Amino acid sequence: PKFWKALFTGAVALVVGCVAVYESGQQELPLISQTSVVAQAVGIAMLATWSGFEGTQVVLGAMMGYIGAFGFGGWARFLDEHLPGFAVLWYSVGASFGILVVTKLRRPLLAAVAPLLGGFLLTVGVGTLASHGLAFFTDQDDFTPLPLSSMSLAAVAGALLGEDRTVALAGNGLCIGLGVLLQANQTRPRPLAVFCLVSCAVLTAAAAAMGPECRHFDGPVHCPAWMKVPNDDTWQWTVLGCGTWAVITASSAWRQLGLPEGWESEGSLKSSMVLPFTTAGLTSVPFGAVPCGGGGGGQQYSALPSQASVDAGSAQQNLTPSQRRMNPWSSSLGGS
């Protein structure tokens, strides 16, 4: 979609601009020189991204897949100690999976990401505003299970992801990819794709809810580090926030994943197989007929007769030889 192309180009320009500002500041360049360097860097980044957009999507998909595989790569790194090279193989599989999703399933990917990301931002924003608003009117700081009023927006967002935020981000990325594959051509039930999309948020809430019980397991049997709750009560916000996040995402994704125009498009698997015929101008050709020759003569060769040709041939069987006319199928072969 054009919106995604413009959004991605702007994001790349923003990142490049921030890097250019930092580097020019480290070099202690004059203000006019810094402005010139930043403007040139942003302009070149936008032009390169916009001109070679499809290539940047391959890089983006590979990067996202690699990060996701690395986040869920603890078991692969363990096996790599006994099977050298297994971790690299797992990362390569993740990168290939990311390239497939971003390049061939772009519209379905956006249709799946929008509810999840929108639900996350809405939950974080409402939770932060609620805690700060109550603190302003009541002069209190703790409104459990809401986040602490002293927490910034970024801290509230981090607490919503739980203790191991890297695994949470990788898990959400994996859920997005699986949800896209499950619903890519609308051949599987929609509830399964919606459940897969919110499963990571549900698991994060469940892990946070079981976290207080880990305090009783300090002996030989103990909980993983990512399940141990912090000293404060932010785990309660994780449970409430992830539950709210899952409900918002599920309600939005149910409608978003059901829109046919979001899936039967140039970004789907079906259209990726039809695309070569589209570029050749063959999408509107009836079954069994392939146009041949140039000009506007309308000549066509039929390996198999189309339904219209069969009907026309059946109707002409009742005519005398002098009354018969050349039908489209026989005329393409030079007969009558």
C-alpha atoms as a PDB file:
ATOM      1  CA  PRO A   1       0.000   0.000   0.000  1.00  0.00           C
ATOM      2  CA  LYS A   2       1.069   3.545  -0.670  1.00  0.00           C
ATOM      3  CA  PHE A   3       0.462   4.507   2.953  1.00  0.00           C
ATOM      4  CA  TRP A   4       2.929   1.876   4.161  1.00  0.00           C
ATOM      5  CA  LYS A   5       5.475   3.003   1.581  1.00  0.00           C
ATOM      6  CA  ALA A   6       5.229   6.610   2.760  1.00  0.00           C
ATOM      7  CA  LEU A   7       5.225   5.604   6.440  1.00  0.00           C
ATOM      8  CA  PHE A   8       8.262   3.365   6.079  1.00  0.00           C
ATOM      9  CA  THR A   9      10.155   5.982   4.087  1.00  0.00           C
ATOM     10  CA  GLY A  10       9.437   8.576   6.758  1.00  0.00           C
ATOM     11  CA  ALA A  11      10.550   6.204   9.522  1.00  0.00           C
ATOM     12  CA  VAL A  12      13.840   5.484   7.759  1.00  0.00           C
ATOM     13  CA  ALA A  13      14.403   9.208   7.241  1.00  0.00           C
ATOM     14  CA  LEU A  14      13.717   9.865  10.928  1.00  0.00           C
ATOM     15  CA  VAL A  15      16.209   7.221  12.068  1.00  0.00           C
ATOM     16  CA  VAL A  16      18.865   8.440   9.663  1.00  0.00           C
ATOM     17  CA  GLY A  17      18.243  12.037  10.745  1.00  0.00           C
ATOM     18  CA  CYS A  18      18.694  11.146  14.428  1.00  0.00           C
ATOM     19  CA  VAL A  19      21.950   9.342  13.654  1.00  0.00           C
ATOM     20  CA  ALA A  20      23.166  12.310  11.612  1.00  0.00           C
ATOM     21  CA  VAL A  21      22.322  14.751  14.427  1.00  0.00           C
ATOM     22  CA  TYR A  22      24.203  12.628  16.946  1.00  0.00           C
ATOM     23  CA  GLU A  23      27.271  12.151  14.758  1.00  0.00           C
ATOM     24  CA  SER A  24      27.478  15.798  13.737  1.00  0.00           C
ATOM     25  CA  GLY A  25      27.163  16.794  17.388  1.00  0.00           C
ATOM     26  CA  GLN A  26      30.025  14.458  18.319  1.00  0.00           C
ATOM     27  CA  GLN A  27      32.168  16.122  15.652  1.00  0.00           C
ATOM     28  CA  GLU A  28      31.290  19.571  17.114  1.00  0.00           C
ATOM     29  CA  LEU A  29      30.379  20.964  13.714  1.00  0.00           C
ATOM     30  CA  PRO A  30      28.952  24.495  13.394  1.00  0.00           C
ATOM     31  CA  LEU A  31      25.180  24.787  13.385  1.00  0.00           C
ATOM     32  CA  ILE A  32      24.959  25.537   9.666  1.00  0.00           C
ATOM     33  CA  SER A  33      27.159  22.537   8.889  1.00  0.00           C
ATOM     34  CA  GLN A  34      25.090  20.278  11.124  1.00  0.00           C
ATOM     35  CA  THR A  35      21.913  21.439   9.385  1.00  0.00           C
ATOM     36  CA  SER A  36      23.433  20.776   5.982  1.00  0.00           C
ATOM     37  CA  VAL A  37      24.662  17.300   6.940  1.00  0.00           C
ATOM     38  CA  VAL A  38      21.318  16.290   8.460  1.00  0.00           C
ATOM     39  CA  ALA A  39      19.355  17.609   5.467  1.00  0.00           C
ATOM     40  CA  GLN A  40      21.590  15.730   3.016  1.00  0.00           C
ATOM     41  CA  ALA A  41      21.410  12.496   5.027  1.00  0.00           C
ATOM     42  CA  VAL A  42      17.614  12.651   5.321  1.00  0.00           C
ATOM     43  CA  GLY A  43      17.188  13.480   1.628  1.00  0.00           C
ATOM     44  CA  ILE A  44      19.458  10.672   0.463  1.00  0.00           C
ATOM     45  CA  ALA A  45      17.766   8.170   2.801  1.00  0.00           C
ATOM     46  CA  MET A  46      14.293   9.128   1.567  1.00  0.00           C
ATOM     47  CA  LEU A  47      15.312   8.983  -2.095  1.00  0.00           C
ATOM     48  CA  ALA A  48      17.072   5.631  -1.704  1.00  0.00           C
ATOM     49  CA  THR A  49      14.195   4.097   0.240  1.00  0.00           C
ATOM     50  CA  TRP A  50      11.499   5.389  -2.090  1.00  0.00           C
ATOM     51  CA  SER A  51      13.352   4.361  -5.264  1.00  0.00           C
ATOM     52  CA  GLY A  52      14.362   0.908  -4.041  1.00  0.00           C
ATOM     53  CA  PHE A  53      11.383   0.233  -1.809  1.00  0.00           C
ATOM     54  CA  GLU A  54      11.071  -3.493  -2.572  1.00  0.00           C
ATOM     55  CA  GLY A  55      14.727  -4.049  -1.743  1.00  0.00           C
ATOM     56  CA  THR A  56      14.336  -2.312   1.605  1.00  0.00           C
ATOM     57  CA  GLN A  57      11.419  -4.619   2.394  1.00  0.00           C
ATOM     58  CA  VAL A  58      13.682  -7.631   1.941  1.00  0.00           C
ATOM     59  CA  VAL A  59      16.167  -6.111   4.397  1.00  0.00           C
ATOM     60  CA  LEU A  60      13.352  -5.255   6.830  1.00  0.00           C
ATOM     61  CA  GLY A  61      11.908  -8.765   6.668  1.00  0.00           C
ATOM     62  CA  ALA A  62      15.279 -10.392   7.184  1.00  0.00           C
ATOM     63  CA  MET A  63      16.044  -8.128  10.137  1.00  0.00           C
ATOM     64  CA  MET A  64      12.665  -8.726  11.803  1.00  0.00           C
ATOM     65  CA  GLY A  65      12.895 -12.484  11.254  1.00  0.00           C
ATOM     66  CA  TYR A  66      16.442 -12.614  12.598  1.00  0.00           C
ATOM     67  CA  ILE A  67      15.520 -10.631  15.722  1.00  0.00           C
ATOM     68  CA  GLY A  68      12.504 -12.848  16.337  1.00  0.00           C
ATOM     69  CA  ALA A  69      14.562 -16.021  15.924  1.00  0.00           C
ATOM     70  CA  PHE A  70      17.244 -14.643  18.241  1.00  0.00           C
ATOM     71  CA  GLY A  71      14.645 -13.766  20.883  1.00  0.00           C
ATOM     72  CA  PHE A  72      13.371 -17.351  20.794  1.00  0.00           C
ATOM     73  CA  GLY A  73      16.819 -18.812  20.234  1.00  0.00           C
ATOM     74  CA  GLY A  74      17.735 -19.931  23.744  1.00  0.00           C
ATOM     75  CA  TRP A  75      17.032 -23.570  22.912  1.00  0.00           C
ATOM     76  CA  ALA A  76      18.891 -23.245  19.618  1.00  0.00           C
ATOM     77  CA  ARG A  77      21.966 -21.822  21.357  1.00  0.00           C
ATOM     78  CA  PHE A  78      21.812 -24.709  23.832  1.00  0.00           C
ATOM     79  CA  LEU A  79      21.750 -27.253  21.002  1.00  0.00           C
ATOM     80  CA  ASP A  80      24.510 -25.342  19.237  1.00  0.00           C
ATOM     81  CA  GLU A  81      26.890 -26.451  21.985  1.00  0.00           C
ATOM     82  CA  HIS A  82      26.364 -30.048  20.847  1.00  0.00           C
ATOM     83  CA  LEU A  83      25.570 -29.393  17.165  1.00  0.00           C
ATOM     84  CA  PRO A  84      27.810 -26.547  15.978  1.00  0.00           C
ATOM     85  CA  GLY A  85      26.055 -24.310  13.494  1.00  0.00           C
ATOM     86  CA  PHE A  86      22.511 -25.142  14.593  1.00  0.00           C
ATOM     87  CA  ALA A  87      21.907 -21.660  16.033  1.00  0.00           C
ATOM     88  CA  VAL A  88      22.958 -20.000  12.788  1.00  0.00           C
ATOM     89  CA  LEU A  89      20.617 -22.319  10.895  1.00  0.00           C
ATOM     90  CA  TRP A  90      17.751 -21.306  13.192  1.00  0.00           C
ATOM     91  CA  TYR A  91      18.507 -17.617  12.633  1.00  0.00           C
ATOM     92  CA  SER A  92      18.558 -18.187   8.868  1.00  0.00           C
ATOM     93  CA  VAL A  93      15.154 -19.866   9.013  1.00  0.00           C
ATOM     94  CA  GLY A  94      13.799 -16.893  10.958  1.00  0.00           C
ATOM     95  CA  ALA A  95      15.221 -14.428   8.441  1.00  0.00           C
ATOM     96  CA  SER A  96      13.715 -16.372   5.529  1.00  0.00           C
ATOM     97  CA  PHE A  97      10.354 -16.457   7.284  1.00  0.00           C
ATOM     98  CA  GLY A  98      10.502 -12.706   7.824  1.00  0.00           C
ATOM     99  CA  ILE A  99      11.316 -12.046   4.171  1.00  0.00           C
ATOM    100  CA  LEU A 100       8.360 -14.192   3.069  1.00  0.00           C
ATOM    101  CA  VAL A 101       5.890 -12.418   5.346  1.00  0.00           C
ATOM    102  CA  VAL A 102       7.043  -8.858   4.590  1.00  0.00           C
ATOM    103  CA  THR A 103       7.388  -9.220   0.811  1.00  0.00           C
ATOM    104  CA  LYS A 104       4.613 -11.643  -0.195  1.00  0.00           C
ATOM    105  CA  LEU A 105       2.074 -10.965   2.554  1.00  0.00           C
ATOM    106  CA  ARG A 106       2.429  -7.235   3.073  1.00  0.00           C
ATOM    107  CA  ARG A 107      -1.254  -6.301   3.177  1.00  0.00           C
ATOM    108  CA  PRO A 108      -2.191  -9.185   5.483  1.00  0.00           C
ATOM    109  CA  LEU A 109       0.785  -8.252   7.649  1.00  0.00           C
ATOM    110  CA  LEU A 110      -0.465  -4.685   8.042  1.00  0.00           C
ATOM    111  CA  ALA A 111      -3.970  -5.993   8.712  1.00  0.00           C
ATOM    112  CA  ALA A 112      -2.580  -8.093  11.575  1.00  0.00           C
ATOM    113  CA  VAL A 113      -0.111  -5.548  12.967  1.00  0.00           C
ATOM    114  CA  ALA A 114      -2.586  -2.650  13.128  1.00  0.00           C
ATOM    115  CA  PRO A 115      -4.933  -4.186  15.763  1.00  0.00           C
ATOM    116  CA  LEU A 116      -2.062  -5.470  17.908  1.00  0.00           C
ATOM    117  CA  LEU A 117      -0.039  -2.258  17.846  1.00  0.00           C
ATOM    118  CA  GLY A 118      -3.119  -0.064  18.164  1.00  0.00           C
ATOM    119  CA  GLY A 119      -4.364  -2.039  21.157  1.00  0.00           C
ATOM    120  CA  PHE A 120      -0.952  -1.783  22.807  1.00  0.00           C
ATOM    121  CA  LEU A 121      -0.713   1.986  22.358  1.00  0.00           C
ATOM    122  CA  LEU A 122      -4.313   2.506  23.493  1.00  0.00           C
ATOM    123  CA  THR A 123      -3.789   0.410  26.626  1.00  0.00           C
ATOM    124  CA  VAL A 124      -0.549   2.192  27.533  1.00  0.00           C
ATOM    125  CA  GLY A 125      -2.041   5.636  26.903  1.00  0.00           C
ATOM    126  CA  VAL A 126      -5.232   5.036  28.863  1.00  0.00           C
ATOM    127  CA  GLY A 127      -3.342   3.469  31.774  1.00  0.00           C
ATOM    128  CA  THR A 128      -0.870   6.362  31.958  1.00  0.00           C
ATOM    129  CA  LEU A 129      -3.568   9.040  31.731  1.00  0.00           C
ATOM    130  CA  ALA A 130      -5.708   7.290  34.339  1.00  0.00           C
ATOM    131  CA  SER A 131      -2.901   7.005  36.904  1.00  0.00           C
ATOM    132  CA  HIS A 132      -1.653  10.557  36.344  1.00  0.00           C
ATOM    133  CA  GLY A 133      -5.185  11.957  36.420  1.00  0.00           C
ATOM    134  CA  LEU A 134      -6.057  10.228  39.680  1.00  0.00           C
ATOM    135  CA  ALA A 135      -2.759  11.367  41.218  1.00  0.00           C
ATOM    136  CA  PHE A 136      -3.505  14.960  40.217  1.00  0.00           C
ATOM    137  CA  PHE A 137      -6.944  14.988  41.855  1.00  0.00           C
ATOM    138  CA  THR A 138      -6.229  12.838  44.942  1.00  0.00           C
ATOM    139  CA  ASP A 139      -2.517  13.491  45.745  1.00  0.00           C
ATOM    140  CA  GLN A 140      -1.834   9.745  45.918  1.00  0.00           C
ATOM    141  CA  ASP A 141       0.735   7.745  44.021  1.00  0.00           C
ATOM    142  CA  ASP A 142      -0.416   4.117  44.124  1.00  0.00           C
ATOM    143  CA  PHE A 143      -3.609   3.117  42.326  1.00  0.00           C
ATOM    144  CA  THR A 144      -3.130  -0.630  42.028  1.00  0.00           C
ATOM    145  CA  PRO A 145      -3.614  -2.304  39.580  1.00  0.00           C
ATOM    146  CA  LEU A 146      -2.962   0.844  37.528  1.00  0.00           C
ATOM    147  CA  PRO A 147       0.676   1.801  36.959  1.00  0.00           C
ATOM    148  CA  LEU A 148       2.376   4.135  39.407  1.00  0.00           C
ATOM    149  CA  SER A 149       1.809   7.801  38.691  1.00  0.00           C
ATOM    150  CA  SER A 150       5.562   8.390  38.908  1.00  0.00           C
ATOM    151  CA  MET A 151       6.173   6.107  35.921  1.00  0.00           C
ATOM    152  CA  SER A 152       6.761   7.652  32.518  1.00  0.00           C
ATOM    153  CA  LEU A 153       4.984   6.548  29.369  1.00  0.00           C
ATOM    154  CA  ALA A 154       7.958   4.444  28.296  1.00  0.00           C
ATOM    155  CA  ALA A 155       8.135   2.793  31.733  1.00  0.00           C
ATOM    156  CA  VAL A 156       4.427   1.948  31.595  1.00  0.00           C
ATOM    157  CA  ALA A 157       4.887   0.408  28.150  1.00  0.00           C
ATOM    158  CA  GLY A 158       7.870  -1.609  29.379  1.00  0.00           C
ATOM    159  CA  ALA A 159       5.972  -2.874  32.425  1.00  0.00           C
ATOM    160  CA  LEU A 160       3.134  -4.001  30.173  1.00  0.00           C
ATOM    161  CA  LEU A 161       5.528  -6.323  28.309  1.00  0.00           C
ATOM    162  CA  GLY A 162       6.622  -8.041  31.519  1.00  0.00           C
ATOM    163  CA  GLU A 163      10.054  -8.757  32.892  1.00  0.00           C
ATOM    164  CA  ASP A 164      11.641 -10.262  29.774  1.00  0.00           C
ATOM    165  CA  ARG A 165      10.726  -7.647  27.174  1.00  0.00           C
ATOM    166  CA  THR A 166      12.939  -9.084  24.447  1.00  0.00           C
ATOM    167  CA  VAL A 167      11.122 -12.415  24.567  1.00  0.00           C
ATOM    168  CA  ALA A 168       7.764 -10.602  24.689  1.00  0.00           C
ATOM    169  CA  LEU A 169       8.563  -8.590  21.557  1.00  0.00           C
ATOM    170  CA  ALA A 170       9.850 -11.664  19.736  1.00  0.00           C
ATOM    171  CA  GLY A 171       6.775 -13.621  20.823  1.00  0.00           C
ATOM    172  CA  ASN A 172       4.415 -10.979  19.493  1.00  0.00           C
ATOM    173  CA  GLY A 173       6.315 -10.949  16.211  1.00  0.00           C
ATOM    174  CA  LEU A 174       5.984 -14.728  15.963  1.00  0.00           C
ATOM    175  CA  CYS A 175       2.254 -14.522  16.718  1.00  0.00           C
ATOM    176  CA  ILE A 176       1.820 -11.918  13.980  1.00  0.00           C
ATOM    177  CA  GLY A 177       3.606 -14.111  11.448  1.00  0.00           C
ATOM    178  CA  LEU A 178       1.580 -17.204  12.353  1.00  0.00           C
ATOM    179  CA  GLY A 179      -1.657 -15.237  12.289  1.00  0.00           C
ATOM    180  CA  VAL A 180      -0.860 -13.928   8.819  1.00  0.00           C
ATOM    181  CA  LEU A 181      -0.084 -17.416   7.503  1.00  0.00           C
ATOM    182  CA  LEU A 182      -3.231 -18.873   9.054  1.00  0.00           C
ATOM    183  CA  GLN A 183      -5.507 -16.273   7.498  1.00  0.00           C
ATOM    184  CA  ALA A 184      -3.540 -15.358   4.379  1.00  0.00           C
ATOM    185  CA  ASN A 185      -6.092 -16.728   1.898  1.00  0.00           C
ATOM    186  CA  GLN A 186      -9.106 -16.938   4.238  1.00  0.00           C
ATOM    187  CA  THR A 187      -9.176 -20.733   3.990  1.00  0.00           C
ATOM    188  CA  ARG A 188      -8.970 -21.350   7.743  1.00  0.00           C
ATOM    189  CA  PRO A 189     -11.330 -20.249  10.533  1.00  0.00           C
ATOM    190  CA  ARG A 190     -10.862 -16.654  11.585  1.00  0.00           C
ATOM    191  CA  PRO A 191     -11.030 -17.365  15.368  1.00  0.00           C
ATOM    192  CA  LEU A 192      -7.830 -19.401  15.139  1.00  0.00           C
ATOM    193  CA  ALA A 193      -5.932 -16.484  13.574  1.00  0.00           C
ATOM    194  CA  VAL A 194      -7.338 -14.028  16.143  1.00  0.00           C
ATOM    195  CA  PHE A 195      -6.403 -16.317  19.029  1.00  0.00           C
ATOM    196  CA  CYS A 196      -2.899 -16.720  17.637  1.00  0.00           C
ATOM    197  CA  LEU A 197      -2.570 -12.941  17.375  1.00  0.00           C
ATOM    198  CA  VAL A 198      -3.404 -12.316  21.060  1.00  0.00           C
ATOM    199  CA  SER A 199      -1.837 -15.471  22.492  1.00  0.00           C
ATOM    200  CA  CYS A 200       1.432 -13.772  23.470  1.00  0.00           C
ATOM    201  CA  ALA A 201      -0.402 -11.058  25.441  1.00  0.00           C
ATOM    202  CA  VAL A 202      -2.464 -13.732  27.198  1.00  0.00           C
ATOM    203  CA  LEU A 203       0.654 -15.751  28.064  1.00  0.00           C
ATOM    204  CA  THR A 204       2.391 -12.614  29.360  1.00  0.00           C
ATOM    205  CA  ALA A 205      -0.558 -11.899  31.657  1.00  0.00           C
ATOM    206  CA  ALA A 206      -0.613 -15.514  32.877  1.00  0.00           C
ATOM    207  CA  ALA A 207       3.136 -15.487  33.582  1.00  0.00           C
ATOM    208  CA  ALA A 208       2.809 -12.222  35.529  1.00  0.00           C
ATOM    209  CA  ALA A 209      -0.129 -13.595  37.531  1.00  0.00           C
ATOM    210  CA  MET A 210       1.862 -16.682  38.528  1.00  0.00           C
ATOM    211  CA  GLY A 211       4.923 -14.582  39.373  1.00  0.00           C
ATOM    212  CA  PRO A 212       4.099 -14.001  43.077  1.00  0.00           C
ATOM    213  CA  GLU A 213       4.030 -17.761  43.621  1.00  0.00           C
ATOM    214  CA  CYS A 214       7.659 -17.941  42.536  1.00  0.00           C
ATOM    215  CA  ARG A 215       8.683 -16.369  45.849  1.00  0.00           C
ATOM    216  CA  HIS A 216       7.939 -19.710  47.498  1.00  0.00           C
ATOM    217  CA  PHE A 217      10.343 -21.603  45.218  1.00  0.00           C
ATOM    218  CA  ASP A 218      13.846 -20.602  46.277  1.00  0.00           C
ATOM    219  CA  GLY A 219      15.276 -24.085  46.759  1.00  0.00           C
ATOM    220  CA  PRO A 220      16.295 -26.707  44.225  1.00  0.00           C
ATOM    221  CA  VAL A 221      13.008 -26.092  42.414  1.00  0.00           C
ATOM    222  CA  HIS A 222      12.793 -22.495  41.318  1.00  0.00           C
ATOM    223  CA  CYS A 223      11.058 -20.432  38.651  1.00  0.00           C
ATOM    224  CA  PRO A 224      12.817 -18.966  35.612  1.00  0.00           C
ATOM    225  CA  ALA A 225      14.217 -15.464  36.051  1.00  0.00           C
ATOM    226  CA  TRP A 226      11.678 -13.961  33.636  1.00  0.00           C
ATOM    227  CA  MET A 227       8.777 -15.167  35.837  1.00  0.00           C
ATOM    228  CA  LYS A 228      10.021 -13.547  39.040  1.00  0.00           C
ATOM    229  CA  VAL A 229       8.086 -10.406  39.862  1.00  0.00           C
ATOM    230  CA  PRO A 230       9.827  -7.146  40.848  1.00  0.00           C
ATOM    231  CA  ASN A 231       9.724  -5.793  44.366  1.00  0.00           C
ATOM    232  CA  ASP A 232       6.902  -3.346  43.568  1.00  0.00           C
ATOM    233  CA  ASP A 233       3.380  -4.173  42.380  1.00  0.00           C
ATOM    234  CA  THR A 234       3.863  -3.450  38.677  1.00  0.00           C
ATOM    235  CA  TRP A 235       3.029  -7.094  37.931  1.00  0.00           C
ATOM    236  CA  GLN A 236      -0.606  -6.260  38.667  1.00  0.00           C
ATOM    237  CA  TRP A 237      -0.526  -3.651  35.911  1.00  0.00           C
ATOM    238  CA  THR A 238       0.977  -6.283  33.599  1.00  0.00           C
ATOM    239  CA  VAL A 239      -1.961  -8.602  34.274  1.00  0.00           C
ATOM    240  CA  LEU A 240      -4.607  -5.886  33.870  1.00  0.00           C
ATOM    241  CA  GLY A 241      -2.922  -4.224  30.909  1.00  0.00           C
ATOM    242  CA  CYS A 242      -2.281  -7.431  28.963  1.00  0.00           C
ATOM    243  CA  GLY A 243      -5.864  -8.542  29.528  1.00  0.00           C
ATOM    244  CA  THR A 244      -7.158  -5.212  28.244  1.00  0.00           C
ATOM    245  CA  TRP A 245      -4.696  -5.320  25.364  1.00  0.00           C
ATOM    246  CA  ALA A 246      -5.875  -8.795  24.353  1.00  0.00           C
ATOM    247  CA  VAL A 247      -9.560  -7.798  24.423  1.00  0.00           C
ATOM    248  CA  ILE A 248      -9.004  -4.654  22.333  1.00  0.00           C
ATOM    249  CA  THR A 249      -6.818  -6.502  19.838  1.00  0.00           C
ATOM    250  CA  ALA A 250      -9.230  -9.414  19.481  1.00  0.00           C
ATOM    251  CA  SER A 251     -12.252  -7.190  18.867  1.00  0.00           C
ATOM    252  CA  SER A 252     -10.382  -5.100  16.303  1.00  0.00           C
ATOM    253  CA  ALA A 253      -8.650  -8.042  14.601  1.00  0.00           C
ATOM    254  CA  TRP A 254     -11.928  -9.923  14.213  1.00  0.00           C
ATOM    255  CA  ARG A 255     -13.191  -7.216  11.896  1.00  0.00           C
ATOM    256  CA  GLN A 256      -9.830  -6.400  10.303  1.00  0.00           C
ATOM    257  CA  LEU A 257      -9.032  -9.978   9.349  1.00  0.00           C
ATOM    258  CA  GLY A 258     -12.487 -10.414   7.868  1.00  0.00           C
ATOM    259  CA  LEU A 259     -12.136  -7.645   5.277  1.00  0.00           C
ATOM    260  CA  PRO A 260     -11.616  -9.349   1.915  1.00  0.00           C
ATOM    261  CA  GLU A 261      -9.926  -6.324   0.367  1.00  0.00           C
ATOM    262  CA  GLY A 262      -7.202  -6.614   3.002  1.00  0.00           C
ATOM    263  CA  TRP A 263      -6.289 -10.135   1.848  1.00  0.00           C
ATOM    264  CA  GLU A 264      -7.224 -10.568  -1.834  1.00  0.00           C
ATOM    265  CA  SER A 265      -4.673  -8.048  -2.972  1.00  0.00           C
ATOM    266  CA  GLU A 266      -1.243  -7.748  -4.435  1.00  0.00           C
ATOM    267  CA  GLY A 267       0.268  -8.693  -1.094  1.00  0.00           C
ATOM    268  CA  SER A 268      -1.354 -12.124  -0.737  1.00  0.00           C
ATOM    269  CA  LEU A 269      -0.068 -15.526  -1.737  1.00  0.00           C
ATOM    270  CA  LYS A 270      -2.828 -15.949  -4.311  1.00  0.00           C
ATOM    271  CA  SER A 271      -2.027 -12.666  -6.026  1.00  0.00           C
ATOM    272  CA  SER A 272       1.686 -13.428  -5.990  1.00  0.00           C
ATOM    273  CA  MET A 273       0.919 -16.390  -8.253  1.00  0.00           C
ATOM    274  CA  VAL A 274      -1.421 -14.327 -10.472  1.00  0.00           C
ATOM    275  CA  LEU A 275       0.969 -11.376 -10.762  1.00  0.00           C
ATOM    276  CA  PRO A 276       3.033 -12.754 -13.703  1.00  0.00           C
ATOM    277  CA  PHE A 277      -0.166 -13.214 -15.725  1.00  0.00           C
ATOM    278  CA  THR A 278      -1.305  -9.726 -14.770  1.00  0.00           C
ATOM    279  CA  THR A 279       1.853  -8.188 -16.180  1.00  0.00           C
ATOM    280  CA  ALA A 280       1.370 -10.202 -19.361  1.00  0.00           C
ATOM    281  CA  GLY A 281      -2.213  -8.978 -19.771  1.00  0.00           C
ATOM    282  CA  LEU A 282      -3.789 -12.415 -19.375  1.00  0.00           C
ATOM    283  CA  THR A 283      -6.040 -11.905 -16.350  1.00  0.00           C
ATOM    284  CA  SER A 284      -9.181 -11.124 -18.363  1.00  0.00           C
ATOM    285  CA  VAL A 285      -8.746 -13.983 -20.880  1.00  0.00           C
ATOM    286  CA  PRO A 286     -11.507 -16.655 -20.738  1.00  0.00           C
ATOM    287  CA  PHE A 287     -10.622 -20.190 -19.744  1.00  0.00           C
ATOM    288  CA  GLY A 288      -8.821 -22.095 -22.456  1.00  0.00           C
ATOM    289  CA  ALA A 289      -8.042 -19.052 -24.618  1.00  0.00           C
ATOM    290  CA  VAL A 290      -4.677 -17.352 -24.938  1.00  0.00           C
ATOM    291  CA  PRO A 291      -4.373 -14.285 -27.184  1.00  0.00           C
ATOM    292  CA  CYS A 292      -1.777 -14.506 -29.904  1.00  0.00           C
ATOM    293  CA  GLY A 293      -0.576 -12.032 -32.472  1.00  0.00           C
ATOM    294  CA  GLY A 294      -0.593  -8.265 -32.251  1.00  0.00           C
ATOM    295  CA  GLY A 295      -3.002  -5.627 -33.346  1.00  0.00           C
ATOM    296  CA  GLY A 296      -6.687  -5.424 -32.610  1.00  0.00           C
ATOM    297  CA  GLY A 297      -7.798  -8.406 -34.692  1.00  0.00           C
ATOM    298  CA  GLY A 298      -8.848 -10.292 -31.576  1.00  0.00           C
ATOM    299  CA  GLN A 299      -7.283 -13.551 -32.788  1.00  0.00           C
ATOM    300  CA  GLN A 300      -6.775 -16.164 -30.119  1.00  0.00           C
ATOM    301  CA  TYR A 301      -5.501 -19.699 -29.940  1.00  0.00           C
ATOM    302  CA  SER A 302      -7.386 -22.164 -27.763  1.00  0.00           C
ATOM    303  CA  ALA A 303      -5.730 -25.245 -26.411  1.00  0.00           C
ATOM    304  CA  LEU A 304      -9.154 -26.073 -24.980  1.00  0.00           C
ATOM    305  CA  PRO A 305     -12.442 -24.454 -26.055  1.00  0.00           C
ATOM    306  CA  SER A 306     -13.969 -21.912 -23.742  1.00  0.00           C
ATOM    307  CA  GLN A 307     -17.568 -22.327 -22.664  1.00  0.00           C
ATOM    308  CA  ALA A 308     -18.707 -19.600 -25.083  1.00  0.00           C
ATOM    309  CA  SER A 309     -17.039 -21.412 -27.998  1.00  0.00           C
ATOM    310  CA  VAL A 310     -18.678 -24.710 -27.062  1.00  0.00           C
ATOM    311  CA  ASP A 311     -22.108 -23.083 -26.878  1.00  0.00           C
ATOM    312  CA  ALA A 312     -21.596 -21.400 -30.234  1.00  0.00           C
ATOM    313  CA  GLY A 313     -20.488 -24.669 -31.826  1.00  0.00           C
ATOM    314  CA  SER A 314     -23.500 -26.532 -30.452  1.00  0.00           C
ATOM    315  CA  ALA A 315     -25.880 -23.931 -31.858  1.00  0.00           C
ATOM    316  CA  GLN A 316     -24.315 -24.106 -35.318  1.00  0.00           C
ATOM    317  CA  GLN A 317     -24.727 -27.863 -35.580  1.00  0.00           C
ATOM    318  CA  ASN A 318     -28.412 -27.318 -36.402  1.00  0.00           C
ATOM    319  CA  LEU A 319     -27.566 -25.087 -39.383  1.00  0.00           C
ATOM    320  CA  THR A 320     -26.870 -26.130 -42.916  1.00  0.00           C
ATOM    321  CA  PRO A 321     -23.263 -25.966 -44.121  1.00  0.00           C
ATOM    322  CA  SER A 322     -23.995 -22.827 -46.134  1.00  0.00           C
ATOM    323  CA  GLN A 323     -25.508 -21.121 -43.093  1.00  0.00           C
ATOM    324  CA  ARG A 324     -22.708 -21.926 -40.701  1.00  0.00           C
ATOM    325  CA  ARG A 325     -20.302 -19.191 -39.735  1.00  0.00           C
ATOM    326  CA  MET A 326     -16.809 -19.417 -38.464  1.00  0.00           C
ATOM    327  CA  ASN A 327     -16.820 -19.658 -34.667  1.00  0.00           C
ATOM    328  CA  PRO A 328     -14.010 -18.178 -32.511  1.00  0.00           C
ATOM    329  CA  TRP A 329     -12.432 -21.555 -31.787  1.00  0.00           C
ATOM    330  CA  SER A 330     -12.340 -22.874 -35.359  1.00  0.00           C
ATOM    331  CA  SER A 331     -11.272 -19.496 -36.790  1.00  0.00           C
ATOM    332  CA  SER A 332      -8.207 -19.518 -34.573  1.00  0.00           C
ATOM    333  CA  LEU A 333      -7.230 -22.840 -36.172  1.00  0.00           C
ATOM    334  CA  GLY A 334      -8.044 -21.691 -39.690  1.00  0.00           C
ATOM    335  CA  GLY A 335     -11.113 -23.980 -40.125  1.00  0.00           C
ATOM    336  CA  SER A 336     -14.852 -23.426 -40.345  1.00  0.00           C
END
